[in-house]
Structure formats: C-alpha cells, structure tokens
Amino acid sequence: MQLKLTRIIFAAAALCTAVIAVQAAEPAPVSPAKESAAAPATFRGIGKLLDVDVPNRLVTVDHDDMPSLGMPAMTMDFPVAISVDMTVVRAGETVSFVLTLIDGILTVTELRLLDSP
C-alpha cells in the first residue's frame, strides 16, 4: 500500500511541475471579461492494465510516455472515479484512459478497452 501511495504522490508531483511550467510559459490575460471556473487538467494515456481492483477503485497501469504530463513510460497505480464502469476491463487488457487532476490527485475519469489486433 505504501508503494501505491508513493507512486500516486510521484504522479502528483510530476503533474504539479508540468502545470507550473505551462503557467509560467503562458502570459496572464490582460483584462478578462468574466471570471469562469477553470476546466480541470486532463491527460490522455494508453497502457496495459496489470491489476483492476474494483472494491478499492484502483487500477495498476503500465502506461506509455505521457508527454502532456511530462511523465515517461512507467507502471503506476491510479484511483478510479466513481463514474467509471470498471467491470468492462480486466487485467492484461490494453486501454486508453484519461487522467483528471481531482483534489490534487491524478484520477482515472475515462477508461476504454482498445480494439484487439
């Protein structure tokens, strides 16, 4: 469990670094007409599911590079949002997924089985 938590913390730190870099590169708006709630940061990925823990709503994914997140290919555990149907995937399958930063934690908010070759 501590290894899973360490991986989640590492992912959050990597995301924070990426977000800070993006914010530093973008100029601030001069005079916004209206303040609107910012959309949550989302990142797309592809990987192989190594474990699907439905009761604890966790997946272990061996994912490809995620350049938009500044994250190299690695194996990580991610919490899964309650809105995602985890029963449609199994360990060993290749999936596409979306990570959304929710309360500072990268969370799977979309999970789709990729077509088999």
PDB file of N, CA and C in Angstrom:
ATOM      1  N   MET A   1       0.829  -1.192   0.000  1.00  0.00           N
ATOM      2  CA  MET A   1       0.000   0.000   0.000  1.00  0.00           C
ATOM      3  C   MET A   1       0.869   1.249   0.000  1.00  0.00           C
ATOM      4  N   GLN A   2       1.987   1.201   0.736  1.00  0.00           N
ATOM      5  CA  GLN A   2       2.854   2.369   0.788  1.00  0.00           C
ATOM      6  C   GLN A   2       3.468   2.631  -0.581  1.00  0.00           C
ATOM      7  N   LEU A   3       3.766   1.573  -1.353  1.00  0.00           N
ATOM      8  CA  LEU A   3       4.302   1.728  -2.694  1.00  0.00           C
ATOM      9  C   LEU A   3       3.277   2.401  -3.597  1.00  0.00           C
ATOM     10  N   LYS A   4       2.001   2.018  -3.455  1.00  0.00           N
ATOM     11  CA  LYS A   4       0.951   2.642  -4.255  1.00  0.00           C
ATOM     12  C   LYS A   4       0.844   4.125  -3.923  1.00  0.00           C
ATOM     13  N   LEU A   5       0.880   4.457  -2.653  1.00  0.00           N
ATOM     14  CA  LEU A   5       0.800   5.848  -2.234  1.00  0.00           C
ATOM     15  C   LEU A   5       1.992   6.625  -2.750  1.00  0.00           C
ATOM     16  N   THR A   6       3.180   6.028  -2.713  1.00  0.00           N
ATOM     17  CA  THR A   6       4.387   6.690  -3.212  1.00  0.00           C
ATOM     18  C   THR A   6       4.242   6.983  -4.703  1.00  0.00           C
ATOM     19  N   ARG A   7       3.703   6.034  -5.448  1.00  0.00           N
ATOM     20  CA  ARG A   7       3.516   6.250  -6.884  1.00  0.00           C
ATOM     21  C   ARG A   7       2.517   7.371  -7.154  1.00  0.00           C
ATOM     22  N   ILE A   8       1.442   7.414  -6.388  1.00  0.00           N
ATOM     23  CA  ILE A   8       0.446   8.459  -6.573  1.00  0.00           C
ATOM     24  C   ILE A   8       1.058   9.817  -6.236  1.00  0.00           C
ATOM     25  N   ILE A   9       1.844   9.896  -5.181  1.00  0.00           N
ATOM     26  CA  ILE A   9       2.488  11.155  -4.800  1.00  0.00           C
ATOM     27  C   ILE A   9       3.459  11.582  -5.890  1.00  0.00           C
ATOM     28  N   PHE A  10       4.228  10.634  -6.451  1.00  0.00           N
ATOM     29  CA  PHE A  10       5.159  10.952  -7.526  1.00  0.00           C
ATOM     30  C   PHE A  10       4.411  11.523  -8.729  1.00  0.00           C
ATOM     31  N   ALA A  11       3.288  10.913  -9.079  1.00  0.00           N
ATOM     32  CA  ALA A  11       2.495  11.379 -10.215  1.00  0.00           C
ATOM     33  C   ALA A  11       1.971  12.791  -9.955  1.00  0.00           C
ATOM     34  N   ALA A  12       1.507  13.044  -8.752  1.00  0.00           N
ATOM     35  CA  ALA A  12       1.002  14.366  -8.405  1.00  0.00           C
ATOM     36  C   ALA A  12       2.119  15.405  -8.490  1.00  0.00           C
ATOM     37  N   ALA A  13       3.321  15.052  -8.026  1.00  0.00           N
ATOM     38  CA  ALA A  13       4.462  15.969  -8.092  1.00  0.00           C
ATOM     39  C   ALA A  13       4.833  16.255  -9.541  1.00  0.00           C
ATOM     40  N   ALA A  14       4.810  15.222 -10.386  1.00  0.00           N
ATOM     41  CA  ALA A  14       5.124  15.411 -11.800  1.00  0.00           C
ATOM     42  C   ALA A  14       4.086  16.321 -12.453  1.00  0.00           C
ATOM     43  N   LEU A  15       2.823  16.130 -12.099  1.00  0.00           N
ATOM     44  CA  LEU A  15       1.765  16.961 -12.651  1.00  0.00           C
ATOM     45  C   LEU A  15       1.930  18.405 -12.211  1.00  0.00           C
ATOM     46  N   CYS A  16       2.220  18.625 -10.954  1.00  0.00           N
ATOM     47  CA  CYS A  16       2.411  19.987 -10.446  1.00  0.00           C
ATOM     48  C   CYS A  16       3.545  20.685 -11.192  1.00  0.00           C
ATOM     49  N   THR A  17       4.636  19.950 -11.433  1.00  0.00           N
ATOM     50  CA  THR A  17       5.762  20.517 -12.161  1.00  0.00           C
ATOM     51  C   THR A  17       5.331  20.899 -13.569  1.00  0.00           C
ATOM     52  N   ALA A  18       4.565  20.026 -14.237  1.00  0.00           N
ATOM     53  CA  ALA A  18       4.096  20.314 -15.587  1.00  0.00           C
ATOM     54  C   ALA A  18       3.155  21.517 -15.596  1.00  0.00           C
ATOM     55  N   VAL A  19       2.260  21.590 -14.638  1.00  0.00           N
ATOM     56  CA  VAL A  19       1.310  22.699 -14.569  1.00  0.00           C
ATOM     57  C   VAL A  19       2.037  24.014 -14.322  1.00  0.00           C
ATOM     58  N   ILE A  20       3.014  24.021 -13.442  1.00  0.00           N
ATOM     59  CA  ILE A  20       3.782  25.237 -13.157  1.00  0.00           C
ATOM     60  C   ILE A  20       4.531  25.688 -14.401  1.00  0.00           C
ATOM     61  N   ALA A  21       5.120  24.729 -15.137  1.00  0.00           N
ATOM     62  CA  ALA A  21       5.851  25.068 -16.353  1.00  0.00           C
ATOM     63  C   ALA A  21       4.924  25.670 -17.399  1.00  0.00           C
ATOM     64  N   VAL A  22       3.732  25.112 -17.552  1.00  0.00           N
ATOM     65  CA  VAL A  22       2.770  25.630 -18.519  1.00  0.00           C
ATOM     66  C   VAL A  22       2.309  27.024 -18.108  1.00  0.00           C
ATOM     67  N   GLN A  23       2.022  27.216 -16.830  1.00  0.00           N
ATOM     68  CA  GLN A  23       1.560  28.518 -16.357  1.00  0.00           C
ATOM     69  C   GLN A  23       2.635  29.582 -16.537  1.00  0.00           C
ATOM     70  N   ALA A  24       3.895  29.202 -16.321  1.00  0.00           N
ATOM     71  CA  ALA A  24       4.982  30.157 -16.473  1.00  0.00           C
ATOM     72  C   ALA A  24       5.159  30.557 -17.931  1.00  0.00           C
ATOM     73  N   ALA A  25       4.844  29.654 -18.861  1.00  0.00           N
ATOM     74  CA  ALA A  25       5.029  29.923 -20.280  1.00  0.00           C
ATOM     75  C   ALA A  25       3.863  30.713 -20.876  1.00  0.00           C
ATOM     76  N   GLU A  26       2.716  30.700 -20.259  1.00  0.00           N
ATOM     77  CA  GLU A  26       1.543  31.388 -20.783  1.00  0.00           C
ATOM     78  C   GLU A  26       1.416  32.779 -20.161  1.00  0.00           C
ATOM     79  N   PRO A  27       1.206  33.783 -21.004  1.00  0.00           N
ATOM     80  CA  PRO A  27       1.001  35.124 -20.444  1.00  0.00           C
ATOM     81  C   PRO A  27      -0.358  35.220 -19.752  1.00  0.00           C
ATOM     82  N   ALA A  28      -0.416  36.003 -18.716  1.00  0.00           N
ATOM     83  CA  ALA A  28      -1.677  36.192 -17.994  1.00  0.00           C
ATOM     84  C   ALA A  28      -2.596  37.082 -18.823  1.00  0.00           C
ATOM     85  N   PRO A  29      -3.908  36.851 -18.786  1.00  0.00           N
ATOM     86  CA  PRO A  29      -4.829  37.698 -19.540  1.00  0.00           C
ATOM     87  C   PRO A  29      -4.803  39.120 -18.997  1.00  0.00           C
ATOM     88  N   VAL A  30      -4.938  40.080 -19.895  1.00  0.00           N
ATOM     89  CA  VAL A  30      -4.866  41.483 -19.505  1.00  0.00           C
ATOM     90  C   VAL A  30      -6.091  41.892 -18.706  1.00  0.00           C
ATOM     91  N   SER A  31      -7.265  41.684 -19.277  1.00  0.00           N
ATOM     92  CA  SER A  31      -8.483  42.031 -18.551  1.00  0.00           C
ATOM     93  C   SER A  31      -9.591  41.065 -18.960  1.00  0.00           C
ATOM     94  N   PRO A  32      -9.742  40.004 -18.210  1.00  0.00           N
ATOM     95  CA  PRO A  32     -10.781  39.048 -18.569  1.00  0.00           C
ATOM     96  C   PRO A  32     -12.163  39.664 -18.425  1.00  0.00           C
ATOM     97  N   ALA A  33     -13.032  39.363 -19.400  1.00  0.00           N
ATOM     98  CA  ALA A  33     -14.382  39.900 -19.353  1.00  0.00           C
ATOM     99  C   ALA A  33     -15.171  39.281 -18.209  1.00  0.00           C
ATOM    100  N   LYS A  34     -14.960  37.984 -17.974  1.00  0.00           N
ATOM    101  CA  LYS A  34     -15.688  37.286 -16.921  1.00  0.00           C
ATOM    102  C   LYS A  34     -14.779  36.274 -16.269  1.00  0.00           C
ATOM    103  N   GLU A  35     -14.893  36.141 -14.989  1.00  0.00           N
ATOM    104  CA  GLU A  35     -14.174  35.087 -14.284  1.00  0.00           C
ATOM    105  C   GLU A  35     -14.966  33.797 -14.466  1.00  0.00           C
ATOM    106  N   SER A  36     -14.313  32.755 -14.947  1.00  0.00           N
ATOM    107  CA  SER A  36     -15.002  31.475 -15.074  1.00  0.00           C
ATOM    108  C   SER A  36     -14.148  30.405 -14.407  1.00  0.00           C
ATOM    109  N   ALA A  37     -14.818  29.363 -13.970  1.00  0.00           N
ATOM    110  CA  ALA A  37     -14.102  28.268 -13.329  1.00  0.00           C
ATOM    111  C   ALA A  37     -13.218  27.592 -14.363  1.00  0.00           C
ATOM    112  N   ALA A  38     -11.963  27.391 -14.018  1.00  0.00           N
ATOM    113  CA  ALA A  38     -11.034  26.741 -14.934  1.00  0.00           C
ATOM    114  C   ALA A  38     -11.393  25.270 -15.066  1.00  0.00           C
ATOM    115  N   ALA A  39     -11.256  24.769 -16.279  1.00  0.00           N
ATOM    116  CA  ALA A  39     -11.502  23.346 -16.504  1.00  0.00           C
ATOM    117  C   ALA A  39     -10.407  22.550 -15.813  1.00  0.00           C
ATOM    118  N   PRO A  40     -10.733  21.400 -15.269  1.00  0.00           N
ATOM    119  CA  PRO A  40      -9.706  20.595 -14.612  1.00  0.00           C
ATOM    120  C   PRO A  40      -8.682  20.106 -15.636  1.00  0.00           C
ATOM    121  N   ALA A  41      -7.447  19.963 -15.197  1.00  0.00           N
ATOM    122  CA  ALA A  41      -6.389  19.469 -16.065  1.00  0.00           C
ATOM    123  C   ALA A  41      -6.640  18.003 -16.369  1.00  0.00           C
ATOM    124  N   THR A  42      -6.621  17.646 -17.665  1.00  0.00           N
ATOM    125  CA  THR A  42      -6.818  16.258 -18.064  1.00  0.00           C
ATOM    126  C   THR A  42      -5.686  15.822 -18.981  1.00  0.00           C
ATOM    127  N   PHE A  43      -5.364  14.529 -18.926  1.00  0.00           N
ATOM    128  CA  PHE A  43      -4.263  13.967 -19.687  1.00  0.00           C
ATOM    129  C   PHE A  43      -4.679  12.601 -20.214  1.00  0.00           C
ATOM    130  N   ARG A  44      -4.412  12.341 -21.501  1.00  0.00           N
ATOM    131  CA  ARG A  44      -4.766  11.069 -22.129  1.00  0.00           C
ATOM    132  C   ARG A  44      -3.566  10.134 -22.119  1.00  0.00           C
ATOM    133  N   GLY A  45      -3.861   8.838 -21.960  1.00  0.00           N
ATOM    134  CA  GLY A  45      -2.793   7.851 -21.967  1.00  0.00           C
ATOM    135  C   GLY A  45      -3.266   6.522 -22.525  1.00  0.00           C
ATOM    136  N   ILE A  46      -2.282   5.675 -22.841  1.00  0.00           N
ATOM    137  CA  ILE A  46      -2.538   4.316 -23.312  1.00  0.00           C
ATOM    138  C   ILE A  46      -1.637   3.396 -22.510  1.00  0.00           C
ATOM    139  N   GLY A  47      -2.170   2.267 -22.090  1.00  0.00           N
ATOM    140  CA  GLY A  47      -1.347   1.343 -21.327  1.00  0.00           C
ATOM    141  C   GLY A  47      -2.018  -0.002 -21.132  1.00  0.00           C
ATOM    142  N   LYS A  48      -1.263  -0.899 -20.538  1.00  0.00           N
ATOM    143  CA  LYS A  48      -1.759  -2.248 -20.253  1.00  0.00           C
ATOM    144  C   LYS A  48      -2.144  -2.316 -18.781  1.00  0.00           C
ATOM    145  N   LEU A  49      -3.330  -2.824 -18.514  1.00  0.00           N
ATOM    146  CA  LEU A  49      -3.790  -2.981 -17.138  1.00  0.00           C
ATOM    147  C   LEU A  49      -3.096  -4.190 -16.519  1.00  0.00           C
ATOM    148  N   LEU A  50      -2.409  -3.968 -15.424  1.00  0.00           N
ATOM    149  CA  LEU A  50      -1.770  -5.064 -14.711  1.00  0.00           C
ATOM    150  C   LEU A  50      -2.645  -5.565 -13.579  1.00  0.00           C
ATOM    151  N   ASP A  51      -3.485  -4.676 -13.041  1.00  0.00           N
ATOM    152  CA  ASP A  51      -4.395  -5.058 -11.961  1.00  0.00           C
ATOM    153  C   ASP A  51      -5.613  -4.151 -12.006  1.00  0.00           C
ATOM    154  N   VAL A  52      -6.772  -4.735 -11.745  1.00  0.00           N
ATOM    155  CA  VAL A  52      -8.028  -3.989 -11.652  1.00  0.00           C
ATOM    156  C   VAL A  52      -8.636  -4.344 -10.300  1.00  0.00           C
ATOM    157  N   ASP A  53      -8.585  -3.412  -9.365  1.00  0.00           N
ATOM    158  CA  ASP A  53      -9.074  -3.627  -8.005  1.00  0.00           C
ATOM    159  C   ASP A  53     -10.406  -2.894  -7.858  1.00  0.00           C
ATOM    160  N   VAL A  54     -11.487  -3.581  -8.230  1.00  0.00           N
ATOM    161  CA  VAL A  54     -12.808  -2.961  -8.236  1.00  0.00           C
ATOM    162  C   VAL A  54     -13.250  -2.508  -6.838  1.00  0.00           C
ATOM    163  N   PRO A  55     -13.117  -3.345  -5.792  1.00  0.00           N
ATOM    164  CA  PRO A  55     -13.583  -2.905  -4.470  1.00  0.00           C
ATOM    165  C   PRO A  55     -12.899  -1.632  -3.967  1.00  0.00           C
ATOM    166  N   ASN A  56     -11.614  -1.466  -4.278  1.00  0.00           N
ATOM    167  CA  ASN A  56     -10.886  -0.279  -3.825  1.00  0.00           C
ATOM    168  C   ASN A  56     -10.798   0.813  -4.886  1.00  0.00           C
ATOM    169  N   ARG A  57     -11.407   0.562  -6.064  1.00  0.00           N
ATOM    170  CA  ARG A  57     -11.433   1.510  -7.174  1.00  0.00           C
ATOM    171  C   ARG A  57     -10.032   1.988  -7.539  1.00  0.00           C
ATOM    172  N   LEU A  58      -9.145   1.020  -7.780  1.00  0.00           N
ATOM    173  CA  LEU A  58      -7.764   1.295  -8.194  1.00  0.00           C
ATOM    174  C   LEU A  58      -7.417   0.451  -9.408  1.00  0.00           C
ATOM    175  N   VAL A  59      -6.603   1.025 -10.311  1.00  0.00           N
ATOM    176  CA  VAL A  59      -6.038   0.255 -11.416  1.00  0.00           C
ATOM    177  C   VAL A  59      -4.529   0.439 -11.401  1.00  0.00           C
ATOM    178  N   THR A  60      -3.814  -0.614 -11.786  1.00  0.00           N
ATOM    179  CA  THR A  60      -2.379  -0.538 -11.982  1.00  0.00           C
ATOM    180  C   THR A  60      -2.163  -0.587 -13.485  1.00  0.00           C
ATOM    181  N   VAL A  61      -1.515   0.454 -14.023  1.00  0.00           N
ATOM    182  CA  VAL A  61      -1.354   0.598 -15.461  1.00  0.00           C
ATOM    183  C   VAL A  61       0.126   0.705 -15.804  1.00  0.00           C
ATOM    184  N   ASP A  62       0.562  -0.112 -16.768  1.00  0.00           N
ATOM    185  CA  ASP A  62       1.896   0.017 -17.359  1.00  0.00           C
ATOM    186  C   ASP A  62       1.684   0.897 -18.586  1.00  0.00           C
ATOM    187  N   HIS A  63       1.860   2.211 -18.415  1.00  0.00           N
ATOM    188  CA  HIS A  63       1.477   3.156 -19.475  1.00  0.00           C
ATOM    189  C   HIS A  63       2.662   3.622 -20.307  1.00  0.00           C
ATOM    190  N   ASP A  64       2.332   4.062 -21.527  1.00  0.00           N
ATOM    191  CA  ASP A  64       3.312   4.642 -22.436  1.00  0.00           C
ATOM    192  C   ASP A  64       3.693   6.033 -21.933  1.00  0.00           C
ATOM    193  N   ASP A  65       4.666   6.654 -22.624  1.00  0.00           N
ATOM    194  CA  ASP A  65       5.022   8.037 -22.316  1.00  0.00           C
ATOM    195  C   ASP A  65       3.775   8.909 -22.363  1.00  0.00           C
ATOM    196  N   MET A  66       3.717   9.863 -21.455  1.00  0.00           N
ATOM    197  CA  MET A  66       2.625  10.832 -21.443  1.00  0.00           C
ATOM    198  C   MET A  66       3.256  12.223 -21.508  1.00  0.00           C
ATOM    199  N   PRO A  67       3.655  12.656 -22.723  1.00  0.00           N
ATOM    200  CA  PRO A  67       4.370  13.928 -22.857  1.00  0.00           C
ATOM    201  C   PRO A  67       3.586  15.128 -22.332  1.00  0.00           C
ATOM    202  N   SER A  68       2.257  15.123 -22.475  1.00  0.00           N
ATOM    203  CA  SER A  68       1.471  16.263 -21.998  1.00  0.00           C
ATOM    204  C   SER A  68       1.550  16.409 -20.480  1.00  0.00           C
ATOM    205  N   LEU A  69       1.903  15.323 -19.827  1.00  0.00           N
ATOM    206  CA  LEU A  69       2.035  15.319 -18.371  1.00  0.00           C
ATOM    207  C   LEU A  69       3.497  15.400 -17.954  1.00  0.00           C
ATOM    208  N   GLY A  70       4.405  15.238 -18.926  1.00  0.00           N
ATOM    209  CA  GLY A  70       5.830  15.229 -18.615  1.00  0.00           C
ATOM    210  C   GLY A  70       6.232  13.959 -17.886  1.00  0.00           C
ATOM    211  N   MET A  71       5.541  12.857 -18.190  1.00  0.00           N
ATOM    212  CA  MET A  71       5.771  11.605 -17.479  1.00  0.00           C
ATOM    213  C   MET A  71       6.261  10.535 -18.462  1.00  0.00           C
ATOM    214  N   PRO A  72       7.392   9.923 -18.157  1.00  0.00           N
ATOM    215  CA  PRO A  72       7.864   8.841 -19.025  1.00  0.00           C
ATOM    216  C   PRO A  72       7.022   7.588 -18.812  1.00  0.00           C
ATOM    217  N   ALA A  73       7.235   6.607 -19.679  1.00  0.00           N
ATOM    218  CA  ALA A  73       6.538   5.326 -19.533  1.00  0.00           C
ATOM    219  C   ALA A  73       6.909   4.719 -18.189  1.00  0.00           C
ATOM    220  N   MET A  74       5.925   4.195 -17.490  1.00  0.00           N
ATOM    221  CA  MET A  74       6.157   3.557 -16.193  1.00  0.00           C
ATOM    222  C   MET A  74       4.905   2.823 -15.757  1.00  0.00           C
ATOM    223  N   THR A  75       5.022   2.095 -14.675  1.00  0.00           N
ATOM    224  CA  THR A  75       3.877   1.414 -14.088  1.00  0.00           C
ATOM    225  C   THR A  75       3.420   2.214 -12.874  1.00  0.00           C
ATOM    226  N   MET A  76       2.117   2.513 -12.838  1.00  0.00           N
ATOM    227  CA  MET A  76       1.579   3.306 -11.732  1.00  0.00           C
ATOM    228  C   MET A  76       0.198   2.821 -11.335  1.00  0.00           C
ATOM    229  N   ASP A  77      -0.150   3.112 -10.102  1.00  0.00           N
ATOM    230  CA  ASP A  77      -1.495   2.856  -9.587  1.00  0.00           C
ATOM    231  C   ASP A  77      -2.254   4.170  -9.625  1.00  0.00           C
ATOM    232  N   PHE A  78      -3.499   4.103 -10.074  1.00  0.00           N
ATOM    233  CA  PHE A  78      -4.335   5.293 -10.116  1.00  0.00           C
ATOM    234  C   PHE A  78      -5.694   4.988  -9.496  1.00  0.00           C
ATOM    235  N   PRO A  79      -6.228   5.925  -8.722  1.00  0.00           N
ATOM    236  CA  PRO A  79      -7.606   5.775  -8.263  1.00  0.00           C
ATOM    237  C   PRO A  79      -8.535   5.980  -9.459  1.00  0.00           C
ATOM    238  N   VAL A  80      -9.716   5.378  -9.384  1.00  0.00           N
ATOM    239  CA  VAL A  80     -10.687   5.447 -10.475  1.00  0.00           C
ATOM    240  C   VAL A  80     -11.944   6.159  -9.971  1.00  0.00           C
ATOM    241  N   ALA A  81     -12.396   7.143 -10.740  1.00  0.00           N
ATOM    242  CA  ALA A  81     -13.600   7.900 -10.371  1.00  0.00           C
ATOM    243  C   ALA A  81     -14.813   6.978 -10.309  1.00  0.00           C
ATOM    244  N   ILE A  82     -15.739   7.313  -9.451  1.00  0.00           N
ATOM    245  CA  ILE A  82     -16.939   6.515  -9.236  1.00  0.00           C
ATOM    246  C   ILE A  82     -17.781   6.425 -10.510  1.00  0.00           C
ATOM    247  N   SER A  83     -17.644   7.394 -11.400  1.00  0.00           N
ATOM    248  CA  SER A  83     -18.428   7.414 -12.642  1.00  0.00           C
ATOM    249  C   SER A  83     -17.931   6.411 -13.691  1.00  0.00           C
ATOM    250  N   VAL A  84     -16.773   5.800 -13.461  1.00  0.00           N
ATOM    251  CA  VAL A  84     -16.182   4.872 -14.428  1.00  0.00           C
ATOM    252  C   VAL A  84     -16.619   3.444 -14.123  1.00  0.00           C
ATOM    253  N   ASP A  85     -17.108   2.742 -15.154  1.00  0.00           N
ATOM    254  CA  ASP A  85     -17.504   1.339 -15.011  1.00  0.00           C
ATOM    255  C   ASP A  85     -16.255   0.466 -15.141  1.00  0.00           C
ATOM    256  N   MET A  86     -15.771  -0.031 -14.030  1.00  0.00           N
ATOM    257  CA  MET A  86     -14.547  -0.833 -14.008  1.00  0.00           C
ATOM    258  C   MET A  86     -14.794  -2.281 -14.422  1.00  0.00           C
ATOM    259  N   THR A  87     -16.046  -2.681 -14.548  1.00  0.00           N
ATOM    260  CA  THR A  87     -16.343  -4.078 -14.872  1.00  0.00           C
ATOM    261  C   THR A  87     -16.149  -4.389 -16.353  1.00  0.00           C
ATOM    262  N   VAL A  88     -15.919  -3.373 -17.174  1.00  0.00           N
ATOM    263  CA  VAL A  88     -15.772  -3.602 -18.614  1.00  0.00           C
ATOM    264  C   VAL A  88     -14.327  -3.903 -19.015  1.00  0.00           C
ATOM    265  N   VAL A  89     -13.399  -3.855 -18.065  1.00  0.00           N
ATOM    266  CA  VAL A  89     -11.991  -4.135 -18.362  1.00  0.00           C
ATOM    267  C   VAL A  89     -11.451  -5.166 -17.384  1.00  0.00           C
ATOM    268  N   ARG A  90     -10.377  -5.841 -17.819  1.00  0.00           N
ATOM    269  CA  ARG A  90      -9.722  -6.838 -16.972  1.00  0.00           C
ATOM    270  C   ARG A  90      -8.217  -6.654 -17.056  1.00  0.00           C
ATOM    271  N   ALA A  91      -7.515  -7.178 -16.069  1.00  0.00           N
ATOM    272  CA  ALA A  91      -6.057  -7.174 -16.084  1.00  0.00           C
ATOM    273  C   ALA A  91      -5.587  -7.887 -17.347  1.00  0.00           C
ATOM    274  N   GLY A  92      -4.531  -7.347 -17.951  1.00  0.00           N
ATOM    275  CA  GLY A  92      -3.971  -7.921 -19.166  1.00  0.00           C
ATOM    276  C   GLY A  92      -4.442  -7.228 -20.433  1.00  0.00           C
ATOM    277  N   GLU A  93      -5.487  -6.398 -20.316  1.00  0.00           N
ATOM    278  CA  GLU A  93      -6.016  -5.707 -21.493  1.00  0.00           C
ATOM    279  C   GLU A  93      -5.339  -4.353 -21.681  1.00  0.00           C
ATOM    280  N   THR A  94      -5.271  -3.922 -22.950  1.00  0.00           N
ATOM    281  CA  THR A  94      -4.720  -2.610 -23.278  1.00  0.00           C
ATOM    282  C   THR A  94      -5.871  -1.623 -23.358  1.00  0.00           C
ATOM    283  N   VAL A  95      -5.689  -0.476 -22.719  1.00  0.00           N
ATOM    284  CA  VAL A  95      -6.758   0.511 -22.618  1.00  0.00           C
ATOM    285  C   VAL A  95      -6.250   1.904 -22.963  1.00  0.00           C
ATOM    286  N   SER A  96      -7.195   2.765 -23.310  1.00  0.00           N
ATOM    287  CA  SER A  96      -6.927   4.195 -23.330  1.00  0.00           C
ATOM    288  C   SER A  96      -7.611   4.742 -22.084  1.00  0.00           C
ATOM    289  N   PHE A  97      -7.026   5.780 -21.527  1.00  0.00           N
ATOM    290  CA  PHE A  97      -7.587   6.330 -20.300  1.00  0.00           C
ATOM    291  C   PHE A  97      -7.349   7.825 -20.240  1.00  0.00           C
ATOM    292  N   VAL A  98      -8.144   8.486 -19.431  1.00  0.00           N
ATOM    293  CA  VAL A  98      -7.988   9.917 -19.190  1.00  0.00           C
ATOM    294  C   VAL A  98      -7.759  10.101 -17.706  1.00  0.00           C
ATOM    295  N   LEU A  99      -6.713  10.856 -17.394  1.00  0.00           N
ATOM    296  CA  LEU A  99      -6.433  11.231 -16.002  1.00  0.00           C
ATOM    297  C   LEU A  99      -6.882  12.665 -15.810  1.00  0.00           C
ATOM    298  N   THR A 100      -7.567  12.915 -14.725  1.00  0.00           N
ATOM    299  CA  THR A 100      -8.009  14.260 -14.381  1.00  0.00           C
ATOM    300  C   THR A 100      -7.487  14.578 -12.988  1.00  0.00           C
ATOM    301  N   LEU A 101      -6.966  15.778 -12.828  1.00  0.00           N
ATOM    302  CA  LEU A 101      -6.473  16.199 -11.519  1.00  0.00           C
ATOM    303  C   LEU A 101      -7.673  16.583 -10.657  1.00  0.00           C
ATOM    304  N   ILE A 102      -7.977  15.732  -9.671  1.00  0.00           N
ATOM    305  CA  ILE A 102      -9.105  15.954  -8.775  1.00  0.00           C
ATOM    306  C   ILE A 102      -8.568  16.059  -7.357  1.00  0.00           C
ATOM    307  N   ASP A 103      -8.753  17.202  -6.742  1.00  0.00           N
ATOM    308  CA  ASP A 103      -8.252  17.442  -5.386  1.00  0.00           C
ATOM    309  C   ASP A 103      -6.768  17.087  -5.267  1.00  0.00           C
ATOM    310  N   GLY A 104      -6.008  17.428  -6.309  1.00  0.00           N
ATOM    311  CA  GLY A 104      -4.558  17.212  -6.282  1.00  0.00           C
ATOM    312  C   GLY A 104      -4.119  15.788  -6.584  1.00  0.00           C
ATOM    313  N   ILE A 105      -5.046  14.918  -6.975  1.00  0.00           N
ATOM    314  CA  ILE A 105      -4.714  13.507  -7.243  1.00  0.00           C
ATOM    315  C   ILE A 105      -5.099  13.172  -8.680  1.00  0.00           C
ATOM    316  N   LEU A 106      -4.154  12.595  -9.424  1.00  0.00           N
ATOM    317  CA  LEU A 106      -4.461  12.126 -10.771  1.00  0.00           C
ATOM    318  C   LEU A 106      -5.408  10.937 -10.666  1.00  0.00           C
ATOM    319  N   THR A 107      -6.597  11.094 -11.230  1.00  0.00           N
ATOM    320  CA  THR A 107      -7.660  10.100 -11.109  1.00  0.00           C
ATOM    321  C   THR A 107      -8.141   9.694 -12.497  1.00  0.00           C
ATOM    322  N   VAL A 108      -8.361   8.397 -12.707  1.00  0.00           N
ATOM    323  CA  VAL A 108      -8.892   7.915 -13.976  1.00  0.00           C
ATOM    324  C   VAL A 108     -10.361   8.320 -14.062  1.00  0.00           C
ATOM    325  N   THR A 109     -10.680   9.128 -15.092  1.00  0.00           N
ATOM    326  CA  THR A 109     -12.061   9.567 -15.279  1.00  0.00           C
ATOM    327  C   THR A 109     -12.679   8.990 -16.544  1.00  0.00           C
ATOM    328  N   GLU A 110     -11.859   8.349 -17.387  1.00  0.00           N
ATOM    329  CA  GLU A 110     -12.342   7.618 -18.556  1.00  0.00           C
ATOM    330  C   GLU A 110     -11.451   6.406 -18.719  1.00  0.00           C
ATOM    331  N   LEU A 111     -12.041   5.287 -19.106  1.00  0.00           N
ATOM    332  CA  LEU A 111     -11.302   4.044 -19.271  1.00  0.00           C
ATOM    333  C   LEU A 111     -11.980   3.249 -20.381  1.00  0.00           C
ATOM    334  N   ARG A 112     -11.234   3.027 -21.486  1.00  0.00           N
ATOM    335  CA  ARG A 112     -11.799   2.324 -22.633  1.00  0.00           C
ATOM    336  C   ARG A 112     -10.876   1.233 -23.105  1.00  0.00           C
ATOM    337  N   LEU A 113     -11.447   0.105 -23.403  1.00  0.00           N
ATOM    338  CA  LEU A 113     -10.713  -1.023 -23.955  1.00  0.00           C
ATOM    339  C   LEU A 113     -10.343  -0.689 -25.396  1.00  0.00           C
ATOM    340  N   LEU A 114      -9.057  -0.877 -25.752  1.00  0.00           N
ATOM    341  CA  LEU A 114      -8.649  -0.672 -27.139  1.00  0.00           C
ATOM    342  C   LEU A 114      -8.946  -1.934 -27.932  1.00  0.00           C
ATOM    343  N   ASP A 115      -9.235  -1.748 -29.202  1.00  0.00           N
ATOM    344  CA  ASP A 115      -9.530  -2.897 -30.066  1.00  0.00           C
ATOM    345  C   ASP A 115      -8.349  -3.848 -30.094  1.00  0.00           C
ATOM    346  N   SER A 116      -8.630  -5.130 -30.039  1.00  0.00           N
ATOM    347  CA  SER A 116      -7.587  -6.156 -30.104  1.00  0.00           C
ATOM    348  C   SER A 116      -7.113  -6.278 -31.544  1.00  0.00           C
ATOM    349  N   PRO A 117      -5.800  -6.596 -31.749  1.00  0.00           N
ATOM    350  CA  PRO A 117      -5.284  -6.707 -33.117  1.00  0.00           C
ATOM    351  C   PRO A 117      -5.867  -7.909 -33.821  1.00  0.00           C
TER     352      PRO A 117
END
